[in-house]
């Protein structure tokens, strides 16, 4: 196996929290960016939910970078989902255009690492063929 692409992203927890808590657009932001499973997981984290949302946002951005695409015609937010693999580690599931883009590039496996503090969330993605 060889590396097809890598991506890294840093998200500010405060900015993600502000987007979620915006009374006019917060609901749309949550539904446009996060899958039902991601929302359930982050909300289950209680007071740390904003760190979890920010880490997932960063993972989506890092995945797009690893695929060499931006948000739009070749990948969208909800087509990149962070799930919990057996043992609790994060994993990525691609659907729709994002899955098609990965297949087109020959991506057979994605690795994701997430970390966060109260202020920042970081994600790194490695795409292998």
C-alpha atoms as a PDB file:
ATOM      1  CA  UNK A   1       0.000   0.000   0.000  1.00  0.00           C
ATOM      2  CA  UNK A   2       1.091   3.530  -0.665  1.00  0.00           C
ATOM      3  CA  UNK A   3      -0.122   6.927   0.428  1.00  0.00           C
ATOM      4  CA  UNK A   4      -2.507   8.568  -2.032  1.00  0.00           C
ATOM      5  CA  UNK A   5      -3.007  11.726   0.005  1.00  0.00           C
ATOM      6  CA  UNK A   6      -2.837  13.309   3.427  1.00  0.00           C
ATOM      7  CA  UNK A   7      -4.876  16.017   5.049  1.00  0.00           C
ATOM      8  CA  UNK A   8      -4.790  17.909   8.303  1.00  0.00           C
ATOM      9  CA  UNK A   9      -7.148  20.492   9.713  1.00  0.00           C
ATOM     10  CA  UNK A  10      -7.375  22.577  12.867  1.00  0.00           C
ATOM     11  CA  UNK A  11     -10.788  23.817  14.003  1.00  0.00           C
ATOM     12  CA  UNK A  12     -11.474  26.407  16.686  1.00  0.00           C
ATOM     13  CA  UNK A  13     -13.965  24.980  19.178  1.00  0.00           C
ATOM     14  CA  UNK A  14     -15.361  28.453  19.892  1.00  0.00           C
ATOM     15  CA  UNK A  15     -16.168  29.097  16.225  1.00  0.00           C
ATOM     16  CA  UNK A  16     -17.910  25.743  15.855  1.00  0.00           C
ATOM     17  CA  UNK A  17     -19.828  26.379  19.086  1.00  0.00           C
ATOM     18  CA  UNK A  18     -20.884  29.837  17.862  1.00  0.00           C
ATOM     19  CA  UNK A  19     -22.118  28.332  14.583  1.00  0.00           C
ATOM     20  CA  UNK A  20     -24.133  25.687  16.449  1.00  0.00           C
ATOM     21  CA  UNK A  21     -25.584  28.132  18.983  1.00  0.00           C
ATOM     22  CA  UNK A  22     -26.545  30.775  16.410  1.00  0.00           C
ATOM     23  CA  UNK A  23     -30.308  31.136  16.901  1.00  0.00           C
ATOM     24  CA  UNK A  24     -30.962  31.789  13.195  1.00  0.00           C
ATOM     25  CA  UNK A  25     -28.618  29.334  11.493  1.00  0.00           C
ATOM     26  CA  UNK A  26     -27.409  26.830  14.106  1.00  0.00           C
ATOM     27  CA  UNK A  27     -29.976  24.162  13.290  1.00  0.00           C
ATOM     28  CA  UNK A  28     -29.220  24.370   9.575  1.00  0.00           C
ATOM     29  CA  UNK A  29     -25.464  24.218  10.261  1.00  0.00           C
ATOM     30  CA  UNK A  30     -25.860  21.031  12.319  1.00  0.00           C
ATOM     31  CA  UNK A  31     -28.052  19.364   9.694  1.00  0.00           C
ATOM     32  CA  UNK A  32     -25.942  20.475   6.732  1.00  0.00           C
ATOM     33  CA  UNK A  33     -22.582  19.410   8.196  1.00  0.00           C
ATOM     34  CA  UNK A  34     -23.118  16.479  10.568  1.00  0.00           C
ATOM     35  CA  UNK A  35     -24.826  13.108  10.116  1.00  0.00           C
ATOM     36  CA  UNK A  36     -27.444  11.913  12.577  1.00  0.00           C
ATOM     37  CA  UNK A  37     -24.891   9.532  14.112  1.00  0.00           C
ATOM     38  CA  UNK A  38     -22.314  12.280  14.554  1.00  0.00           C
ATOM     39  CA  UNK A  39     -24.870  14.533  16.219  1.00  0.00           C
ATOM     40  CA  UNK A  40     -25.991  11.749  18.569  1.00  0.00           C
ATOM     41  CA  UNK A  41     -22.389  10.947  19.523  1.00  0.00           C
ATOM     42  CA  UNK A  42     -21.374  14.562  20.127  1.00  0.00           C
ATOM     43  CA  UNK A  43     -24.506  15.315  22.152  1.00  0.00           C
ATOM     44  CA  UNK A  44     -23.795  12.234  24.304  1.00  0.00           C
ATOM     45  CA  UNK A  45     -20.504  13.876  25.321  1.00  0.00           C
ATOM     46  CA  UNK A  46     -22.359  16.428  27.465  1.00  0.00           C
ATOM     47  CA  UNK A  47     -20.326  19.514  28.191  1.00  0.00           C
ATOM     48  CA  UNK A  48     -17.550  18.304  25.854  1.00  0.00           C
ATOM     49  CA  UNK A  49     -19.933  18.146  22.876  1.00  0.00           C
ATOM     50  CA  UNK A  50     -18.484  21.211  21.184  1.00  0.00           C
ATOM     51  CA  UNK A  51     -14.999  19.673  21.179  1.00  0.00           C
ATOM     52  CA  UNK A  52     -16.481  16.536  19.580  1.00  0.00           C
ATOM     53  CA  UNK A  53     -18.319  18.570  16.933  1.00  0.00           C
ATOM     54  CA  UNK A  54     -15.144  20.570  16.199  1.00  0.00           C
ATOM     55  CA  UNK A  55     -13.050  17.396  15.883  1.00  0.00           C
ATOM     56  CA  UNK A  56     -15.564  15.945  13.424  1.00  0.00           C
ATOM     57  CA  UNK A  57     -15.634  19.183  11.442  1.00  0.00           C
ATOM     58  CA  UNK A  58     -11.820  19.091  11.255  1.00  0.00           C
ATOM     59  CA  UNK A  59     -11.931  15.437  10.161  1.00  0.00           C
ATOM     60  CA  UNK A  60     -14.270  16.280   7.289  1.00  0.00           C
ATOM     61  CA  UNK A  61     -11.973  19.101   6.139  1.00  0.00           C
ATOM     62  CA  UNK A  62      -8.883  16.889   6.489  1.00  0.00           C
ATOM     63  CA  UNK A  63     -10.582  14.139   4.466  1.00  0.00           C
ATOM     64  CA  UNK A  64     -11.344  16.557   1.634  1.00  0.00           C
ATOM     65  CA  UNK A  65      -7.705  17.641   1.674  1.00  0.00           C
ATOM     66  CA  UNK A  66      -6.509  14.014   1.595  1.00  0.00           C
ATOM     67  CA  UNK A  67      -8.766  13.443  -1.436  1.00  0.00           C
ATOM     68  CA  UNK A  68      -7.512  16.653  -3.047  1.00  0.00           C
ATOM     69  CA  UNK A  69     -10.979  18.184  -3.293  1.00  0.00           C
ATOM     70  CA  UNK A  70     -12.938  20.900  -1.604  1.00  0.00           C
ATOM     71  CA  UNK A  71     -16.543  20.939  -0.509  1.00  0.00           C
ATOM     72  CA  UNK A  72     -18.860  20.838  -3.492  1.00  0.00           C
ATOM     73  CA  UNK A  73     -19.059  18.776  -6.652  1.00  0.00           C
ATOM     74  CA  UNK A  74     -16.775  15.933  -5.509  1.00  0.00           C
ATOM     75  CA  UNK A  75     -17.572  15.668  -1.773  1.00  0.00           C
ATOM     76  CA  UNK A  76     -20.046  17.114   0.679  1.00  0.00           C
ATOM     77  CA  UNK A  77     -20.086  17.388   4.462  1.00  0.00           C
ATOM     78  CA  UNK A  78     -22.569  14.618   5.250  1.00  0.00           C
ATOM     79  CA  UNK A  79     -20.885  12.205   2.820  1.00  0.00           C
ATOM     80  CA  UNK A  80     -17.912  12.074   5.184  1.00  0.00           C
ATOM     81  CA  UNK A  81     -18.871  10.527   8.514  1.00  0.00           C
ATOM     82  CA  UNK A  82     -16.747   9.955  11.598  1.00  0.00           C
ATOM     83  CA  UNK A  83     -17.837   6.752  13.326  1.00  0.00           C
ATOM     84  CA  UNK A  84     -16.525   4.812  16.300  1.00  0.00           C
ATOM     85  CA  UNK A  85     -14.731   1.616  15.292  1.00  0.00           C
ATOM     86  CA  UNK A  86     -14.607  -1.399  17.596  1.00  0.00           C
ATOM     87  CA  UNK A  87     -12.387  -0.464  20.512  1.00  0.00           C
ATOM     88  CA  UNK A  88     -13.565   3.148  20.395  1.00  0.00           C
ATOM     89  CA  UNK A  89     -11.132   4.594  17.871  1.00  0.00           C
ATOM     90  CA  UNK A  90     -12.501   6.904  15.193  1.00  0.00           C
ATOM     91  CA  UNK A  91     -12.940   5.735  11.619  1.00  0.00           C
ATOM     92  CA  UNK A  92     -14.268   7.344   8.437  1.00  0.00           C
ATOM     93  CA  UNK A  93     -17.173   6.208   6.280  1.00  0.00           C
ATOM     94  CA  UNK A  94     -17.612   7.811   2.862  1.00  0.00           C
ATOM     95  CA  UNK A  95     -20.822   7.769   0.841  1.00  0.00           C
ATOM     96  CA  UNK A  96     -22.107   9.402  -2.343  1.00  0.00           C
ATOM     97  CA  UNK A  97     -19.767  11.694  -4.280  1.00  0.00           C
ATOM     98  CA  UNK A  98     -17.054  11.445  -1.607  1.00  0.00           C
ATOM     99  CA  UNK A  99     -16.984   7.633  -1.928  1.00  0.00           C
ATOM    100  CA  UNK A 100     -16.926   7.916  -5.733  1.00  0.00           C
ATOM    101  CA  UNK A 101     -14.056  10.405  -5.581  1.00  0.00           C
ATOM    102  CA  UNK A 102     -12.079   8.107  -3.267  1.00  0.00           C
ATOM    103  CA  UNK A 103     -12.689   5.123  -5.567  1.00  0.00           C
ATOM    104  CA  UNK A 104     -11.619   7.168  -8.590  1.00  0.00           C
ATOM    105  CA  UNK A 105      -8.337   7.933  -6.803  1.00  0.00           C
ATOM    106  CA  UNK A 106      -7.857   4.285  -5.863  1.00  0.00           C
ATOM    107  CA  UNK A 107      -8.278   4.922  -2.129  1.00  0.00           C
ATOM    108  CA  UNK A 108      -8.806   1.607  -0.355  1.00  0.00           C
ATOM    109  CA  UNK A 109      -8.303   2.726   3.227  1.00  0.00           C
ATOM    110  CA  UNK A 110      -8.548   5.925   5.259  1.00  0.00           C
ATOM    111  CA  UNK A 111      -6.847   6.478   8.601  1.00  0.00           C
ATOM    112  CA  UNK A 112      -8.018   9.271  10.903  1.00  0.00           C
ATOM    113  CA  UNK A 113      -6.589  10.668  14.126  1.00  0.00           C
ATOM    114  CA  UNK A 114      -8.481  13.209  16.242  1.00  0.00           C
ATOM    115  CA  UNK A 115      -7.419  15.244  19.232  1.00  0.00           C
ATOM    116  CA  UNK A 116      -8.794  18.290  20.970  1.00  0.00           C
ATOM    117  CA  UNK A 117      -8.512  20.688  23.847  1.00  0.00           C
ATOM    118  CA  UNK A 118     -11.200  23.046  25.096  1.00  0.00           C
ATOM    119  CA  UNK A 119     -10.055  25.568  22.442  1.00  0.00           C
ATOM    120  CA  UNK A 120      -8.822  23.592  19.419  1.00  0.00           C
ATOM    121  CA  UNK A 121      -9.570  20.357  17.583  1.00  0.00           C
ATOM    122  CA  UNK A 122      -7.141  18.707  15.173  1.00  0.00           C
ATOM    123  CA  UNK A 123      -7.689  15.926  12.661  1.00  0.00           C
ATOM    124  CA  UNK A 124      -5.230  14.108  10.439  1.00  0.00           C
ATOM    125  CA  UNK A 125      -6.288  11.820   7.589  1.00  0.00           C
ATOM    126  CA  UNK A 126      -4.116   9.492   5.517  1.00  0.00           C
ATOM    127  CA  UNK A 127      -5.531   7.910   2.355  1.00  0.00           C
ATOM    128  CA  UNK A 128      -3.941   4.674   1.116  1.00  0.00           C
ATOM    129  CA  UNK A 129      -4.433   2.728  -2.080  1.00  0.00           C
END
